[in-house]
Amino acid sequence: MMRRQFVAGSLVLLATVALPVLAAPPAQEQSRIERLIRYVESQKAMKFVRNGSEYTPEDAGKFLRGKLEAMGGEITTARQFIKRIASRSSMSGQPYHVRLADGQTVLAENFLEDELQRIERQPS
């Protein structure tokens, strides 16, 4: 009986430790996700528009990292990050927007997809 409890407890512990590792995006994808977030943070004249409110690039980066941390186990690629985390509110369903320095407003999804395509064209 003790051995069975030990084995069951060990399996639970192993699953608890291993699942976050298994769920983490591959290193290349994690790097792309981080580059996308840093890109948002670097756009000093831009505003990130979420649920009708404008946020600074720094606040947008913090928000995206927090949302990634909360949902990260479900995300394995940069495109999933864009689609499931950085494109729309999971609460209201409203799309996120980016207001550029010239006043033009674009969907955050398109803004990040364009940057991801630029990243992918760069030599490794």
N, C-alpha and C. Protein backbone atom coordinates (compact mmCIF):
# COMPACT_ATOMS: atom_id res chain seq x y z
N MET A 1 0.82 -1.19 0.00
CA MET A 1 0.00 0.00 0.00
C MET A 1 0.87 1.26 0.00
N MET A 2 1.93 1.28 0.83
CA MET A 2 2.82 2.44 0.89
C MET A 2 3.53 2.65 -0.45
N ARG A 3 3.95 1.54 -1.06
CA ARG A 3 4.65 1.63 -2.33
C ARG A 3 3.73 2.24 -3.40
N ARG A 4 2.48 1.84 -3.43
CA ARG A 4 1.52 2.36 -4.40
C ARG A 4 1.33 3.86 -4.19
N GLN A 5 1.23 4.32 -2.94
CA GLN A 5 1.08 5.74 -2.65
C GLN A 5 2.34 6.50 -3.07
N PHE A 6 3.51 5.88 -2.81
CA PHE A 6 4.77 6.52 -3.19
C PHE A 6 4.84 6.69 -4.70
N VAL A 7 4.49 5.64 -5.44
CA VAL A 7 4.52 5.69 -6.91
C VAL A 7 3.52 6.74 -7.41
N ALA A 8 2.32 6.73 -6.88
CA ALA A 8 1.31 7.71 -7.30
C ALA A 8 1.76 9.12 -6.98
N GLY A 9 2.30 9.33 -5.80
CA GLY A 9 2.80 10.65 -5.42
C GLY A 9 3.95 11.09 -6.30
N SER A 10 4.82 10.16 -6.64
CA SER A 10 5.96 10.48 -7.51
C SER A 10 5.49 10.88 -8.90
N LEU A 11 4.48 10.18 -9.41
CA LEU A 11 3.94 10.51 -10.73
C LEU A 11 3.32 11.90 -10.74
N VAL A 12 2.60 12.24 -9.68
CA VAL A 12 1.99 13.57 -9.58
C VAL A 12 3.08 14.63 -9.56
N LEU A 13 4.11 14.41 -8.75
CA LEU A 13 5.22 15.35 -8.67
C LEU A 13 5.92 15.48 -10.03
N LEU A 14 6.17 14.38 -10.69
CA LEU A 14 6.81 14.40 -11.99
C LEU A 14 5.97 15.18 -13.00
N ALA A 15 4.68 14.93 -13.01
CA ALA A 15 3.78 15.63 -13.93
C ALA A 15 3.78 17.13 -13.64
N THR A 16 3.79 17.50 -12.38
CA THR A 16 3.79 18.90 -12.00
C THR A 16 5.05 19.60 -12.46
N VAL A 17 6.18 18.92 -12.37
CA VAL A 17 7.45 19.51 -12.78
C VAL A 17 7.61 19.47 -14.29
N ALA A 18 7.21 18.40 -14.94
CA ALA A 18 7.45 18.22 -16.37
C ALA A 18 6.47 18.99 -17.25
N LEU A 19 5.23 19.14 -16.85
CA LEU A 19 4.25 19.79 -17.71
C LEU A 19 4.63 21.20 -18.13
N PRO A 20 5.08 22.06 -17.21
CA PRO A 20 5.48 23.39 -17.69
C PRO A 20 6.61 23.34 -18.70
N VAL A 21 7.53 22.41 -18.56
CA VAL A 21 8.62 22.28 -19.52
C VAL A 21 8.08 21.82 -20.86
N LEU A 22 7.19 20.83 -20.83
CA LEU A 22 6.61 20.33 -22.07
C LEU A 22 5.75 21.37 -22.76
N ALA A 23 5.10 22.25 -22.00
CA ALA A 23 4.19 23.22 -22.56
C ALA A 23 4.89 24.47 -23.07
N ALA A 24 6.14 24.68 -22.69
CA ALA A 24 6.86 25.88 -23.10
C ALA A 24 7.11 25.85 -24.61
N PRO A 25 7.03 27.02 -25.24
CA PRO A 25 7.34 27.06 -26.68
C PRO A 25 8.79 26.67 -26.92
N PRO A 26 9.09 26.11 -28.10
CA PRO A 26 10.48 25.84 -28.44
C PRO A 26 11.29 27.14 -28.35
N ALA A 27 12.58 27.03 -28.12
CA ALA A 27 13.44 28.21 -27.92
C ALA A 27 13.33 29.23 -29.05
N GLN A 28 13.31 28.76 -30.29
CA GLN A 28 13.21 29.69 -31.43
C GLN A 28 11.90 30.47 -31.38
N GLU A 29 10.81 29.79 -31.06
CA GLU A 29 9.51 30.47 -30.99
C GLU A 29 9.45 31.41 -29.79
N GLN A 30 10.02 30.99 -28.66
CA GLN A 30 10.06 31.85 -27.49
C GLN A 30 10.84 33.12 -27.81
N SER A 31 11.92 32.98 -28.55
CA SER A 31 12.72 34.13 -28.96
C SER A 31 11.91 35.06 -29.86
N ARG A 32 11.16 34.51 -30.79
CA ARG A 32 10.32 35.32 -31.68
C ARG A 32 9.24 36.06 -30.88
N ILE A 33 8.64 35.38 -29.94
CA ILE A 33 7.61 36.02 -29.11
C ILE A 33 8.22 37.19 -28.34
N GLU A 34 9.38 36.96 -27.74
CA GLU A 34 10.05 38.03 -26.99
C GLU A 34 10.42 39.18 -27.92
N ARG A 35 10.87 38.88 -29.12
CA ARG A 35 11.20 39.95 -30.08
C ARG A 35 9.96 40.75 -30.45
N LEU A 36 8.82 40.10 -30.59
CA LEU A 36 7.58 40.82 -30.88
C LEU A 36 7.20 41.76 -29.74
N ILE A 37 7.33 41.28 -28.52
CA ILE A 37 7.00 42.12 -27.36
C ILE A 37 7.97 43.30 -27.28
N ARG A 38 9.25 43.03 -27.47
CA ARG A 38 10.24 44.12 -27.44
C ARG A 38 9.99 45.12 -28.56
N TYR A 39 9.52 44.64 -29.70
CA TYR A 39 9.18 45.53 -30.81
C TYR A 39 8.07 46.49 -30.39
N VAL A 40 7.04 45.96 -29.77
CA VAL A 40 5.95 46.81 -29.27
C VAL A 40 6.52 47.84 -28.30
N GLU A 41 7.35 47.40 -27.37
CA GLU A 41 7.91 48.30 -26.36
C GLU A 41 8.80 49.38 -26.96
N SER A 42 9.40 49.11 -28.11
CA SER A 42 10.33 50.05 -28.73
C SER A 42 9.64 51.15 -29.53
N GLN A 43 8.36 51.02 -29.77
CA GLN A 43 7.63 51.98 -30.60
C GLN A 43 7.14 53.16 -29.74
N LYS A 44 8.05 54.03 -29.37
CA LYS A 44 7.80 55.07 -28.38
C LYS A 44 6.66 56.03 -28.74
N ALA A 45 6.41 56.26 -30.00
CA ALA A 45 5.35 57.19 -30.41
C ALA A 45 4.01 56.50 -30.62
N MET A 46 3.95 55.21 -30.38
CA MET A 46 2.76 54.41 -30.62
C MET A 46 1.92 54.29 -29.34
N LYS A 47 0.62 54.06 -29.52
CA LYS A 47 -0.27 53.73 -28.41
C LYS A 47 -0.91 52.38 -28.70
N PHE A 48 -1.00 51.55 -27.68
CA PHE A 48 -1.64 50.25 -27.78
C PHE A 48 -3.06 50.45 -27.27
N VAL A 49 -4.05 50.13 -28.08
CA VAL A 49 -5.45 50.39 -27.72
C VAL A 49 -6.12 49.06 -27.39
N ARG A 50 -6.56 48.99 -26.13
CA ARG A 50 -7.19 47.77 -25.62
C ARG A 50 -8.49 48.14 -24.94
N ASN A 51 -9.60 47.58 -25.42
CA ASN A 51 -10.93 47.83 -24.87
C ASN A 51 -11.22 49.33 -24.74
N GLY A 52 -10.82 50.08 -25.78
CA GLY A 52 -11.13 51.50 -25.84
C GLY A 52 -10.17 52.41 -25.10
N SER A 53 -9.20 51.87 -24.39
CA SER A 53 -8.22 52.69 -23.65
C SER A 53 -6.86 52.59 -24.31
N GLU A 54 -6.12 53.71 -24.28
CA GLU A 54 -4.77 53.74 -24.84
C GLU A 54 -3.74 53.45 -23.77
N TYR A 55 -2.71 52.69 -24.16
CA TYR A 55 -1.63 52.33 -23.25
C TYR A 55 -0.29 52.64 -23.90
N THR A 56 0.70 52.95 -23.08
CA THR A 56 2.05 53.19 -23.59
C THR A 56 2.63 51.88 -24.10
N PRO A 57 3.66 51.97 -24.93
CA PRO A 57 4.32 50.73 -25.38
C PRO A 57 4.87 49.90 -24.21
N GLU A 58 5.39 50.58 -23.19
CA GLU A 58 5.92 49.85 -22.03
C GLU A 58 4.80 49.10 -21.31
N ASP A 59 3.66 49.76 -21.10
CA ASP A 59 2.53 49.10 -20.45
C ASP A 59 1.98 47.96 -21.31
N ALA A 60 1.98 48.17 -22.62
CA ALA A 60 1.52 47.11 -23.53
C ALA A 60 2.43 45.88 -23.41
N GLY A 61 3.74 46.11 -23.33
CA GLY A 61 4.68 45.00 -23.18
C GLY A 61 4.45 44.24 -21.89
N LYS A 62 4.24 44.97 -20.80
CA LYS A 62 3.97 44.33 -19.51
C LYS A 62 2.68 43.52 -19.58
N PHE A 63 1.67 44.10 -20.20
CA PHE A 63 0.39 43.41 -20.33
C PHE A 63 0.54 42.13 -21.15
N LEU A 64 1.23 42.22 -22.28
CA LEU A 64 1.40 41.04 -23.15
C LEU A 64 2.19 39.94 -22.45
N ARG A 65 3.23 40.34 -21.70
CA ARG A 65 4.00 39.33 -20.95
C ARG A 65 3.13 38.68 -19.87
N GLY A 66 2.32 39.47 -19.19
CA GLY A 66 1.44 38.91 -18.16
C GLY A 66 0.41 37.97 -18.74
N LYS A 67 -0.17 38.36 -19.86
CA LYS A 67 -1.17 37.49 -20.51
C LYS A 67 -0.50 36.21 -21.02
N LEU A 68 0.72 36.34 -21.54
CA LEU A 68 1.47 35.16 -21.99
C LEU A 68 1.75 34.24 -20.81
N GLU A 69 2.14 34.82 -19.69
CA GLU A 69 2.41 34.00 -18.51
C GLU A 69 1.15 33.26 -18.06
N ALA A 70 0.02 33.94 -18.12
CA ALA A 70 -1.24 33.32 -17.70
C ALA A 70 -1.71 32.24 -18.66
N MET A 71 -1.49 32.44 -19.96
CA MET A 71 -1.98 31.50 -20.97
C MET A 71 -0.86 30.73 -21.65
N GLY A 72 0.37 30.94 -21.21
CA GLY A 72 1.54 30.43 -21.91
C GLY A 72 1.55 28.96 -22.20
N GLY A 73 0.95 28.15 -21.35
CA GLY A 73 0.95 26.72 -21.58
C GLY A 73 0.20 26.32 -22.83
N GLU A 74 -0.63 27.22 -23.34
CA GLU A 74 -1.42 26.94 -24.54
C GLU A 74 -0.75 27.45 -25.80
N ILE A 75 0.36 28.16 -25.65
CA ILE A 75 1.00 28.84 -26.78
C ILE A 75 2.34 28.15 -27.10
N THR A 76 2.50 27.72 -28.34
CA THR A 76 3.76 27.07 -28.73
C THR A 76 4.45 27.77 -29.89
N THR A 77 3.79 28.74 -30.54
CA THR A 77 4.40 29.45 -31.66
C THR A 77 4.14 30.95 -31.55
N ALA A 78 4.96 31.72 -32.26
CA ALA A 78 4.77 33.17 -32.29
C ALA A 78 3.42 33.53 -32.93
N ARG A 79 3.01 32.77 -33.93
CA ARG A 79 1.71 33.05 -34.57
C ARG A 79 0.56 32.79 -33.59
N GLN A 80 0.66 31.74 -32.79
CA GLN A 80 -0.36 31.51 -31.76
C GLN A 80 -0.37 32.65 -30.76
N PHE A 81 0.82 33.14 -30.40
CA PHE A 81 0.91 34.28 -29.50
C PHE A 81 0.14 35.47 -30.08
N ILE A 82 0.36 35.74 -31.36
CA ILE A 82 -0.34 36.87 -31.99
C ILE A 82 -1.84 36.62 -31.99
N LYS A 83 -2.26 35.46 -32.45
CA LYS A 83 -3.70 35.16 -32.59
C LYS A 83 -4.43 35.08 -31.25
N ARG A 84 -3.82 34.42 -30.26
CA ARG A 84 -4.56 34.10 -29.04
C ARG A 84 -4.30 35.06 -27.89
N ILE A 85 -3.20 35.81 -27.97
CA ILE A 85 -2.86 36.70 -26.86
C ILE A 85 -2.85 38.16 -27.27
N ALA A 86 -2.20 38.47 -28.39
CA ALA A 86 -1.93 39.87 -28.74
C ALA A 86 -2.92 40.49 -29.71
N SER A 87 -3.97 39.78 -30.10
CA SER A 87 -4.90 40.29 -31.11
C SER A 87 -6.23 40.81 -30.56
N ARG A 88 -6.68 40.19 -29.47
CA ARG A 88 -8.01 40.58 -28.98
C ARG A 88 -8.14 40.27 -27.50
N SER A 89 -9.09 40.96 -26.91
CA SER A 89 -9.36 40.77 -25.49
C SER A 89 -10.05 39.43 -25.27
N SER A 90 -9.53 38.66 -24.34
CA SER A 90 -10.18 37.40 -24.01
C SER A 90 -11.42 37.65 -23.15
N MET A 91 -11.54 38.85 -22.60
CA MET A 91 -12.72 39.19 -21.79
C MET A 91 -13.87 39.72 -22.66
N SER A 92 -13.58 40.73 -23.48
CA SER A 92 -14.64 41.37 -24.26
C SER A 92 -14.73 40.85 -25.68
N GLY A 93 -13.66 40.23 -26.17
CA GLY A 93 -13.62 39.77 -27.56
C GLY A 93 -13.24 40.87 -28.54
N GLN A 94 -13.09 42.11 -28.05
CA GLN A 94 -12.75 43.22 -28.93
C GLN A 94 -11.30 43.10 -29.41
N PRO A 95 -11.07 43.44 -30.68
CA PRO A 95 -9.69 43.39 -31.18
C PRO A 95 -8.86 44.51 -30.56
N TYR A 96 -7.56 44.25 -30.42
CA TYR A 96 -6.62 45.27 -30.00
C TYR A 96 -6.18 46.04 -31.25
N HIS A 97 -5.85 47.31 -31.04
CA HIS A 97 -5.36 48.16 -32.12
C HIS A 97 -4.05 48.81 -31.71
N VAL A 98 -3.36 49.32 -32.70
CA VAL A 98 -2.15 50.10 -32.49
C VAL A 98 -2.38 51.44 -33.18
N ARG A 99 -2.21 52.53 -32.42
CA ARG A 99 -2.29 53.87 -33.00
C ARG A 99 -0.86 54.34 -33.22
N LEU A 100 -0.52 54.52 -34.50
CA LEU A 100 0.83 54.88 -34.89
C LEU A 100 1.08 56.38 -34.69
N ALA A 101 2.34 56.78 -34.81
CA ALA A 101 2.72 58.18 -34.60
C ALA A 101 1.98 59.13 -35.53
N ASP A 102 1.67 58.68 -36.75
CA ASP A 102 0.97 59.55 -37.71
C ASP A 102 -0.54 59.58 -37.49
N GLY A 103 -1.03 58.89 -36.44
CA GLY A 103 -2.46 58.88 -36.13
C GLY A 103 -3.21 57.72 -36.74
N GLN A 104 -2.58 57.02 -37.66
CA GLN A 104 -3.22 55.86 -38.29
C GLN A 104 -3.41 54.76 -37.25
N THR A 105 -4.58 54.12 -37.28
CA THR A 105 -4.86 53.01 -36.38
C THR A 105 -4.96 51.72 -37.19
N VAL A 106 -4.21 50.70 -36.74
CA VAL A 106 -4.22 49.40 -37.41
C VAL A 106 -4.52 48.31 -36.38
N LEU A 107 -4.99 47.19 -36.85
CA LEU A 107 -5.21 46.06 -35.96
C LEU A 107 -3.86 45.59 -35.41
N ALA A 108 -3.81 45.32 -34.13
CA ALA A 108 -2.58 44.82 -33.51
C ALA A 108 -2.15 43.52 -34.18
N GLU A 109 -3.10 42.70 -34.56
CA GLU A 109 -2.78 41.44 -35.23
C GLU A 109 -1.98 41.70 -36.51
N ASN A 110 -2.41 42.64 -37.33
CA ASN A 110 -1.71 42.95 -38.57
C ASN A 110 -0.33 43.57 -38.29
N PHE A 111 -0.28 44.45 -37.32
CA PHE A 111 0.96 45.11 -36.92
C PHE A 111 2.00 44.07 -36.51
N LEU A 112 1.60 43.11 -35.70
CA LEU A 112 2.53 42.08 -35.22
C LEU A 112 2.84 41.04 -36.30
N GLU A 113 1.87 40.70 -37.12
CA GLU A 113 2.13 39.76 -38.23
C GLU A 113 3.16 40.34 -39.19
N ASP A 114 3.05 41.64 -39.49
CA ASP A 114 4.03 42.29 -40.36
C ASP A 114 5.44 42.19 -39.77
N GLU A 115 5.54 42.44 -38.45
CA GLU A 115 6.84 42.36 -37.80
C GLU A 115 7.35 40.92 -37.77
N LEU A 116 6.48 39.95 -37.51
CA LEU A 116 6.91 38.55 -37.50
C LEU A 116 7.42 38.15 -38.88
N GLN A 117 6.76 38.58 -39.94
CA GLN A 117 7.24 38.26 -41.29
C GLN A 117 8.62 38.88 -41.53
N ARG A 118 8.84 40.09 -41.03
CA ARG A 118 10.15 40.72 -41.16
C ARG A 118 11.21 39.90 -40.41
N ILE A 119 10.88 39.45 -39.21
CA ILE A 119 11.79 38.63 -38.41
C ILE A 119 12.13 37.33 -39.15
N GLU A 120 11.12 36.72 -39.74
CA GLU A 120 11.32 35.44 -40.44
C GLU A 120 12.17 35.60 -41.70
N ARG A 121 12.16 36.77 -42.30
CA ARG A 121 12.98 37.00 -43.51
C ARG A 121 14.44 37.22 -43.18
N GLN A 122 14.75 37.54 -41.93
CA GLN A 122 16.14 37.79 -41.53
C GLN A 122 16.90 36.47 -41.51
N PRO A 123 18.16 36.52 -41.95
CA PRO A 123 18.98 35.30 -41.89
C PRO A 123 19.18 34.88 -40.44
N SER A 124 19.25 33.60 -40.21
CA SER A 124 19.41 33.07 -38.85
C SER A 124 20.78 33.30 -38.31
